[in-house]
Amino acid sequence: MTAITDELREAVRTPHKEPQLVLAPSHRGGTFTSLAVDCPFVFTLGGRTGMTIVGWDGIGYQGGLSWLGDDGRWSEPELVLPRIPESPHRKFNSALTGLLRDEELQGAGELLCVDGWYYGTYHAYPDAGYEEGSAVIGIVRSRDLYTWEEHGELLRPEDGADWERGGLYKSWLMRADGRFWLFYNAKDLPVGSWQEQTGAAVSDDLLHWERVPGPLLPNGPEGAMDDRFASDPCVLRLGEQWVMFYFGLCSDGHARDSFAVSDDLVNWVKGDEVLVDIGPAGSIDATHAHKPAVITRDGRLEHYYCAVSPLPGPVTIGDRVVRELRGIAVAHS
């Protein structure tokens, strides 16, 4: 049976938050990050540290790429996975959420190249607007991280179990023991008061996927920090165990990051500990601290997340009034 030791708990804790966002929305009309920056994924490639993000412009999501400079600042994200007007499923949304990388928690997070290709995963909502319709998950591949092509079949909510019929969300692509795994969260209803839980699919070729019976990470009991959502998996190996960083949404309306542990990627034990909590009023994460992306750099664990807080006053961008600040923050060990 999976055991969570004090040593493991200490290894995943990141109690020190940076007080400012590392990436913020542009608040400039015409940019793909005009309204929000969301869903970080952090990696290294050839000695550089990079981050993919999802930008929101009022029409839909699109995928961006940022690099960490020598000055410790992240570059303004470049659009690398745009919407495709002629695509039936990417007409309005292309939310790039992760790339295939080294699976070791204490490793460098180096991207894995398979037969000359880098592979990524995205989800796409079929309609314009904020997460309108039931999203699908797809795989893309690239030789340079800037130009991507579709690869293989889509995961569709209607092909899954009842817990995922409402739509598929952020996914995590990884390799373990010679197979590819795709962890993702999904909702049970397309609209209304839905529940989100996390499951997985497996593949031998990155083309065809078979769902693992789930959910693997279900909601907690009433009153738990994840009694509504257990979402956005980030799965990495620590010694002989696997650690899933994820966020929970509680009935109090706030989202926080936590973790679970497994010996086999199928049976998970929750840590029942908040790793990154919301901050006090006036802080960058007073509303939500969620959607984890974890990497070890210079011997220090860095936990990137999406921070959400109310704006001091509304901001008008085009025909939209923005009342919250949604960007990327970081906490570290």
Protein backbone atom coordinates (compact mmCIF):
# COMPACT_ATOMS: atom_id res chain seq x y z
CA MET A 1 0.00 0.00 0.00
CA THR A 2 1.23 3.47 -0.86
CA ALA A 3 2.72 5.28 2.12
CA ILE A 4 3.28 9.02 2.42
CA THR A 5 6.34 9.61 4.57
CA ASP A 6 7.42 12.79 6.32
CA GLU A 7 10.40 12.85 3.98
CA LEU A 8 8.14 12.86 0.93
CA ARG A 9 5.94 15.59 2.37
CA GLU A 10 8.98 17.76 2.97
CA ALA A 11 10.22 17.09 -0.58
CA VAL A 12 7.04 18.49 -2.20
CA ARG A 13 6.48 21.52 -0.01
CA THR A 14 7.02 25.01 -1.43
CA PRO A 15 6.08 27.40 1.38
CA HIS A 16 7.78 30.54 0.04
CA LYS A 17 5.66 32.57 -2.38
CA GLU A 18 6.90 35.35 -4.61
CA PRO A 19 4.62 38.35 -4.07
CA GLN A 20 4.29 39.40 -7.73
CA LEU A 21 3.09 37.61 -10.84
CA VAL A 22 5.84 36.28 -13.09
CA LEU A 23 3.52 36.53 -16.12
CA ALA A 24 0.47 38.79 -16.28
CA PRO A 25 -2.20 39.45 -18.91
CA SER A 26 -1.31 42.24 -21.32
CA HIS A 27 -4.60 44.12 -20.91
CA ARG A 28 -4.01 45.26 -24.50
CA GLY A 29 -6.67 44.61 -27.11
CA GLY A 30 -5.58 42.48 -30.04
CA THR A 31 -3.15 40.29 -28.06
CA PHE A 32 -3.87 36.66 -27.27
CA THR A 33 -3.14 37.28 -23.56
CA SER A 34 -5.26 40.42 -23.33
CA LEU A 35 -7.63 39.14 -20.62
CA ALA A 36 -5.80 36.33 -18.80
CA VAL A 37 -2.73 34.11 -18.64
CA ASP A 38 -3.42 30.60 -17.38
CA CYS A 39 -2.25 26.95 -17.17
CA PRO A 40 1.56 27.07 -16.79
CA PHE A 41 3.83 24.20 -17.83
CA VAL A 42 7.56 24.56 -17.08
CA PHE A 43 10.46 22.69 -18.69
CA THR A 44 14.09 22.99 -19.78
CA LEU A 45 15.59 22.58 -23.24
CA GLY A 46 19.27 22.90 -24.05
CA GLY A 47 20.05 24.77 -20.87
CA ARG A 48 17.11 27.20 -21.19
CA THR A 49 14.04 27.23 -18.98
CA GLY A 50 10.74 27.62 -20.81
CA MET A 51 7.07 27.83 -19.99
CA THR A 52 3.99 27.17 -22.06
CA ILE A 53 0.86 29.09 -21.08
CA VAL A 54 -2.71 29.53 -22.21
CA GLY A 55 -3.86 33.01 -23.18
CA TRP A 56 -7.48 34.19 -23.11
CA ASP A 57 -8.63 37.03 -25.38
CA GLY A 58 -12.40 36.91 -25.03
CA ILE A 59 -12.91 34.64 -28.05
CA GLY A 60 -11.14 31.55 -26.76
CA TYR A 61 -7.90 30.03 -25.54
CA GLN A 62 -4.61 29.90 -27.46
CA GLY A 63 -1.21 28.45 -26.56
CA GLY A 64 1.88 30.54 -25.88
CA LEU A 65 5.58 30.07 -25.14
CA SER A 66 7.79 32.12 -22.79
CA TRP A 67 11.48 31.84 -21.85
CA LEU A 68 13.25 32.70 -18.61
CA GLY A 69 15.93 35.32 -19.20
CA ASP A 70 19.30 35.78 -17.54
CA ASP A 71 17.75 38.63 -15.57
CA GLY A 72 15.27 36.23 -13.94
CA ARG A 73 12.30 37.58 -15.89
CA TRP A 74 10.01 35.69 -18.22
CA SER A 75 9.64 36.95 -21.77
CA GLU A 76 6.31 38.09 -23.13
CA PRO A 77 4.60 34.93 -24.38
CA GLU A 78 4.67 34.24 -28.11
CA LEU A 79 1.65 32.66 -29.77
CA VAL A 80 2.64 29.13 -30.89
CA LEU A 81 -0.64 27.15 -30.91
CA PRO A 82 -3.28 29.43 -32.44
CA ARG A 83 -6.90 28.71 -33.17
CA ILE A 84 -7.61 27.32 -36.65
CA PRO A 85 -10.73 28.82 -38.26
CA GLU A 86 -11.23 25.86 -40.62
CA SER A 87 -10.89 23.23 -37.86
CA PRO A 88 -14.13 21.78 -36.43
CA HIS A 89 -12.64 21.48 -32.94
CA ARG A 90 -9.96 24.24 -32.91
CA LYS A 91 -12.00 26.96 -34.57
CA PHE A 92 -12.11 29.00 -31.36
CA ASN A 93 -9.76 27.30 -28.88
CA SER A 94 -6.28 25.74 -28.80
CA ALA A 95 -5.22 25.48 -25.16
CA LEU A 96 -1.67 24.05 -25.12
CA THR A 97 -1.28 22.52 -21.66
CA GLY A 98 1.89 20.45 -21.54
CA LEU A 99 4.84 18.83 -23.30
CA LEU A 100 6.48 15.43 -22.96
CA ARG A 101 9.38 15.93 -20.49
CA ASP A 102 11.70 14.10 -18.12
CA GLU A 103 9.44 12.51 -15.50
CA GLU A 104 11.76 12.91 -12.49
CA LEU A 105 10.61 15.42 -9.88
CA GLN A 106 14.21 16.16 -8.92
CA GLY A 107 15.44 16.05 -12.52
CA ALA A 108 15.96 18.99 -14.85
CA GLY A 109 12.57 18.78 -16.55
CA GLU A 110 14.27 18.36 -19.95
CA LEU A 111 11.94 17.90 -22.91
CA LEU A 112 11.98 14.43 -24.44
CA CYS A 113 12.52 14.15 -28.18
CA VAL A 114 10.90 11.10 -29.81
CA ASP A 115 12.13 10.35 -33.34
CA GLY A 116 13.00 14.00 -33.85
CA TRP A 117 9.70 15.36 -32.51
CA TYR A 118 8.56 17.15 -29.37
CA TYR A 119 5.04 16.16 -28.35
CA GLY A 120 2.42 18.25 -26.61
CA THR A 121 -1.17 18.05 -25.49
CA TYR A 122 -4.02 20.53 -25.74
CA HIS A 123 -7.71 20.81 -25.13
CA ALA A 124 -10.21 22.66 -27.28
CA TYR A 125 -13.74 23.88 -26.67
CA PRO A 126 -15.97 23.84 -29.76
CA ASP A 127 -17.62 27.25 -29.34
CA ALA A 128 -16.55 30.86 -28.86
CA GLY A 129 -16.55 32.26 -25.35
CA TYR A 130 -15.17 31.18 -22.00
CA GLU A 131 -15.00 27.36 -22.06
CA GLU A 132 -18.16 27.03 -24.13
CA GLY A 133 -19.14 23.50 -25.05
CA SER A 134 -17.65 20.13 -24.18
CA ALA A 135 -13.90 20.13 -24.85
CA VAL A 136 -11.81 17.43 -26.50
CA ILE A 137 -8.13 16.59 -25.92
CA GLY A 138 -5.63 16.25 -28.75
CA ILE A 139 -1.93 15.60 -29.33
CA VAL A 140 0.35 17.86 -31.37
CA ARG A 141 4.00 17.55 -32.34
CA SER A 142 6.74 19.96 -33.35
CA ARG A 143 10.41 19.99 -34.25
CA ASP A 144 11.08 23.51 -32.90
CA LEU A 145 8.25 24.29 -30.35
CA TYR A 146 6.94 27.07 -32.62
CA THR A 147 5.18 25.19 -35.43
CA TRP A 148 2.87 22.34 -34.46
CA GLU A 149 0.91 19.68 -36.30
CA GLU A 150 -1.92 17.42 -35.17
CA HIS A 151 -0.98 13.82 -34.37
CA GLY A 152 -3.25 10.86 -33.75
CA GLU A 153 -6.77 10.57 -32.50
CA LEU A 154 -8.75 12.87 -30.23
CA LEU A 155 -10.07 11.98 -26.80
CA ARG A 156 -13.73 12.92 -26.80
CA PRO A 157 -16.02 13.19 -23.77
CA GLU A 158 -18.80 11.18 -25.38
CA ASP A 159 -16.48 8.17 -25.64
CA GLY A 160 -15.73 8.14 -21.92
CA ALA A 161 -17.50 7.21 -18.70
CA ASP A 162 -20.27 9.18 -17.00
CA TRP A 163 -17.84 11.19 -14.86
CA GLU A 164 -16.21 12.70 -18.00
CA ARG A 165 -19.16 13.16 -20.33
CA GLY A 166 -19.40 16.90 -19.69
CA GLY A 167 -16.02 17.73 -21.25
CA LEU A 168 -12.29 17.20 -20.92
CA TYR A 169 -9.88 19.66 -19.35
CA LYS A 170 -6.16 20.21 -18.85
CA SER A 171 -3.98 17.15 -19.50
CA TRP A 172 -0.49 15.94 -18.62
CA LEU A 173 1.51 13.88 -21.12
CA MET A 174 4.25 11.60 -19.79
CA ARG A 175 6.20 8.41 -20.41
CA ALA A 176 6.49 5.63 -17.82
CA ASP A 177 7.96 2.14 -18.21
CA GLY A 178 7.81 2.24 -22.00
CA ARG A 179 4.22 3.50 -22.30
CA PHE A 180 2.74 6.94 -22.72
CA TRP A 181 0.24 8.21 -20.19
CA LEU A 182 -2.19 11.09 -20.56
CA PHE A 183 -3.65 12.28 -17.26
CA TYR A 184 -6.56 14.72 -17.47
CA ASN A 185 -9.45 16.10 -15.48
CA ALA A 186 -13.01 16.12 -16.72
CA LYS A 187 -16.46 17.20 -15.68
CA ASP A 188 -19.61 15.13 -15.39
CA LEU A 189 -22.03 17.75 -16.76
CA PRO A 190 -21.59 20.24 -19.63
CA VAL A 191 -23.31 23.08 -17.74
CA GLY A 192 -24.60 23.79 -14.26
CA SER A 193 -23.03 22.71 -10.98
CA TRP A 194 -20.63 20.02 -12.16
CA GLN A 195 -17.95 17.92 -10.47
CA GLU A 196 -14.39 17.59 -11.83
CA GLN A 197 -12.24 14.52 -11.27
CA THR A 198 -9.01 13.16 -12.74
CA GLY A 199 -8.40 10.08 -14.89
CA ALA A 200 -5.97 8.81 -17.49
CA ALA A 201 -5.51 7.16 -20.87
CA VAL A 202 -2.55 5.08 -22.10
CA SER A 203 -0.89 4.61 -25.47
CA ASP A 204 1.99 2.69 -27.02
CA ASP A 205 2.39 4.97 -30.05
CA LEU A 206 0.95 8.43 -29.20
CA LEU A 207 -1.64 7.79 -31.92
CA HIS A 208 -4.23 5.56 -30.27
CA TRP A 209 -5.41 5.92 -26.69
CA GLU A 210 -7.17 3.58 -24.28
CA ARG A 211 -8.83 5.01 -21.21
CA VAL A 212 -7.94 3.64 -17.81
CA PRO A 213 -11.11 2.91 -15.79
CA GLY A 214 -11.61 5.84 -13.45
CA PRO A 215 -11.76 8.34 -12.04
CA LEU A 216 -8.33 7.70 -10.52
CA LEU A 217 -8.43 10.82 -8.35
CA PRO A 218 -12.03 11.35 -7.24
CA ASN A 219 -13.51 14.21 -5.28
CA GLY A 220 -13.04 14.23 -1.54
CA PRO A 221 -15.87 14.04 1.00
CA GLU A 222 -18.04 17.05 1.77
CA GLY A 223 -15.96 19.75 3.40
CA ALA A 224 -12.65 18.53 1.94
CA MET A 225 -10.48 20.95 -0.02
CA ASP A 226 -11.34 19.03 -3.22
CA ASP A 227 -14.97 18.16 -2.63
CA ARG A 228 -15.99 19.80 -5.94
CA PHE A 229 -12.90 19.61 -8.16
CA ALA A 230 -9.83 17.35 -8.12
CA SER A 231 -8.20 18.77 -11.21
CA ASP A 232 -5.18 19.66 -13.40
CA PRO A 233 -2.75 16.79 -12.74
CA CYS A 234 1.03 17.26 -12.83
CA VAL A 235 2.60 13.80 -12.38
CA LEU A 236 6.29 13.25 -11.59
CA ARG A 237 8.41 10.46 -10.12
CA LEU A 238 10.09 10.76 -6.73
CA GLY A 239 12.20 7.69 -6.01
CA GLU A 240 9.98 4.61 -6.35
CA GLN A 241 6.75 6.60 -6.08
CA TRP A 242 4.74 8.92 -8.28
CA VAL A 243 3.52 12.28 -7.05
CA MET A 244 0.49 13.97 -8.59
CA PHE A 245 0.28 17.68 -7.90
CA TYR A 246 -3.29 18.84 -8.49
CA PHE A 247 -5.75 21.51 -7.40
CA GLY A 248 -8.85 21.12 -5.36
CA LEU A 249 -11.88 23.38 -5.44
CA CYS A 250 -13.80 23.42 -2.20
CA SER A 251 -17.39 24.36 -1.50
CA ASP A 252 -16.02 27.64 -0.11
CA GLY A 253 -15.40 28.69 -3.73
CA HIS A 254 -11.58 28.82 -3.56
CA ALA A 255 -9.06 26.61 -5.37
CA ARG A 256 -5.79 25.44 -3.81
CA ASP A 257 -2.96 23.11 -4.83
CA SER A 258 -2.37 19.77 -3.11
CA PHE A 259 -0.84 16.38 -3.97
CA ALA A 260 -1.43 12.62 -4.08
CA VAL A 261 0.97 9.65 -4.23
CA SER A 262 0.92 6.32 -6.08
CA ASP A 263 3.11 3.26 -6.56
CA ASP A 264 1.57 2.26 -9.89
CA LEU A 265 -0.07 5.39 -11.44
CA VAL A 266 -3.51 3.85 -10.93
CA ASN A 267 -4.10 3.73 -7.17
CA TRP A 268 -3.63 7.13 -5.52
CA VAL A 269 -3.49 8.24 -1.89
CA LYS A 270 -4.12 11.91 -1.22
CA GLY A 271 -1.70 13.89 0.90
CA ASP A 272 -4.57 15.87 2.47
CA GLU A 273 -2.28 18.88 2.70
CA VAL A 274 -2.51 22.26 0.98
CA LEU A 275 0.81 22.98 -0.71
CA VAL A 276 -0.09 26.40 -2.09
CA ASP A 277 -2.95 28.20 -0.39
CA ILE A 278 -4.83 31.35 -1.28
CA GLY A 279 -3.38 34.55 0.09
CA PRO A 280 -4.89 37.36 2.15
CA ALA A 281 -7.04 40.13 0.71
CA GLY A 282 -4.98 42.32 -1.60
CA SER A 283 -2.54 39.55 -2.58
CA ILE A 284 -2.13 38.20 -6.11
CA ASP A 285 -3.83 34.90 -5.19
CA ALA A 286 -6.59 36.03 -2.86
CA THR A 287 -9.23 34.15 -4.91
CA HIS A 288 -7.43 31.08 -6.28
CA ALA A 289 -3.97 29.47 -6.10
CA HIS A 290 -4.25 26.55 -8.50
CA LYS A 291 -3.15 24.61 -11.62
CA PRO A 292 0.32 23.40 -10.59
CA ALA A 293 3.46 23.13 -12.75
CA VAL A 294 6.48 21.88 -10.82
CA ILE A 295 10.18 21.82 -11.67
CA THR A 296 13.51 21.58 -9.82
CA ARG A 297 16.00 24.33 -10.67
CA ASP A 298 19.36 24.96 -9.03
CA GLY A 299 18.49 22.47 -6.29
CA ARG A 300 15.25 24.25 -5.41
CA LEU A 301 11.71 23.05 -6.08
CA GLU A 302 9.64 25.67 -7.91
CA HIS A 303 5.86 25.38 -7.96
CA TYR A 304 4.27 27.57 -10.63
CA TYR A 305 0.54 28.13 -10.49
CA CYS A 306 -2.30 30.28 -11.74
CA ALA A 307 -3.02 33.07 -9.29
CA VAL A 308 -6.37 34.87 -9.34
CA SER A 309 -7.42 37.96 -7.40
CA PRO A 310 -9.94 40.80 -7.73
CA LEU A 311 -8.71 43.90 -9.55
CA PRO A 312 -8.83 47.11 -7.49
CA GLY A 313 -11.15 48.46 -10.16
CA PRO A 314 -12.65 47.20 -13.43
CA VAL A 315 -10.55 47.40 -16.60
CA THR A 316 -12.25 47.89 -19.96
CA ILE A 317 -10.60 46.13 -22.92
CA GLY A 318 -12.54 46.53 -26.13
CA ASP A 319 -16.12 45.58 -25.32
CA ARG A 320 -15.20 43.60 -22.20
CA VAL A 321 -15.02 44.68 -18.59
CA VAL A 322 -12.39 42.71 -16.62
CA ARG A 323 -12.79 42.47 -12.85
CA GLU A 324 -10.14 39.91 -11.91
CA LEU A 325 -6.41 39.50 -12.44
CA ARG A 326 -5.46 36.03 -13.66
CA GLY A 327 -1.76 35.31 -14.20
CA ILE A 328 1.16 33.03 -13.33
CA ALA A 329 2.84 33.02 -9.91
CA VAL A 330 5.50 30.88 -8.26
CA ALA A 331 6.25 29.42 -4.83
CA HIS A 332 9.47 27.61 -3.94
CA SER A 333 11.07 25.36 -1.36
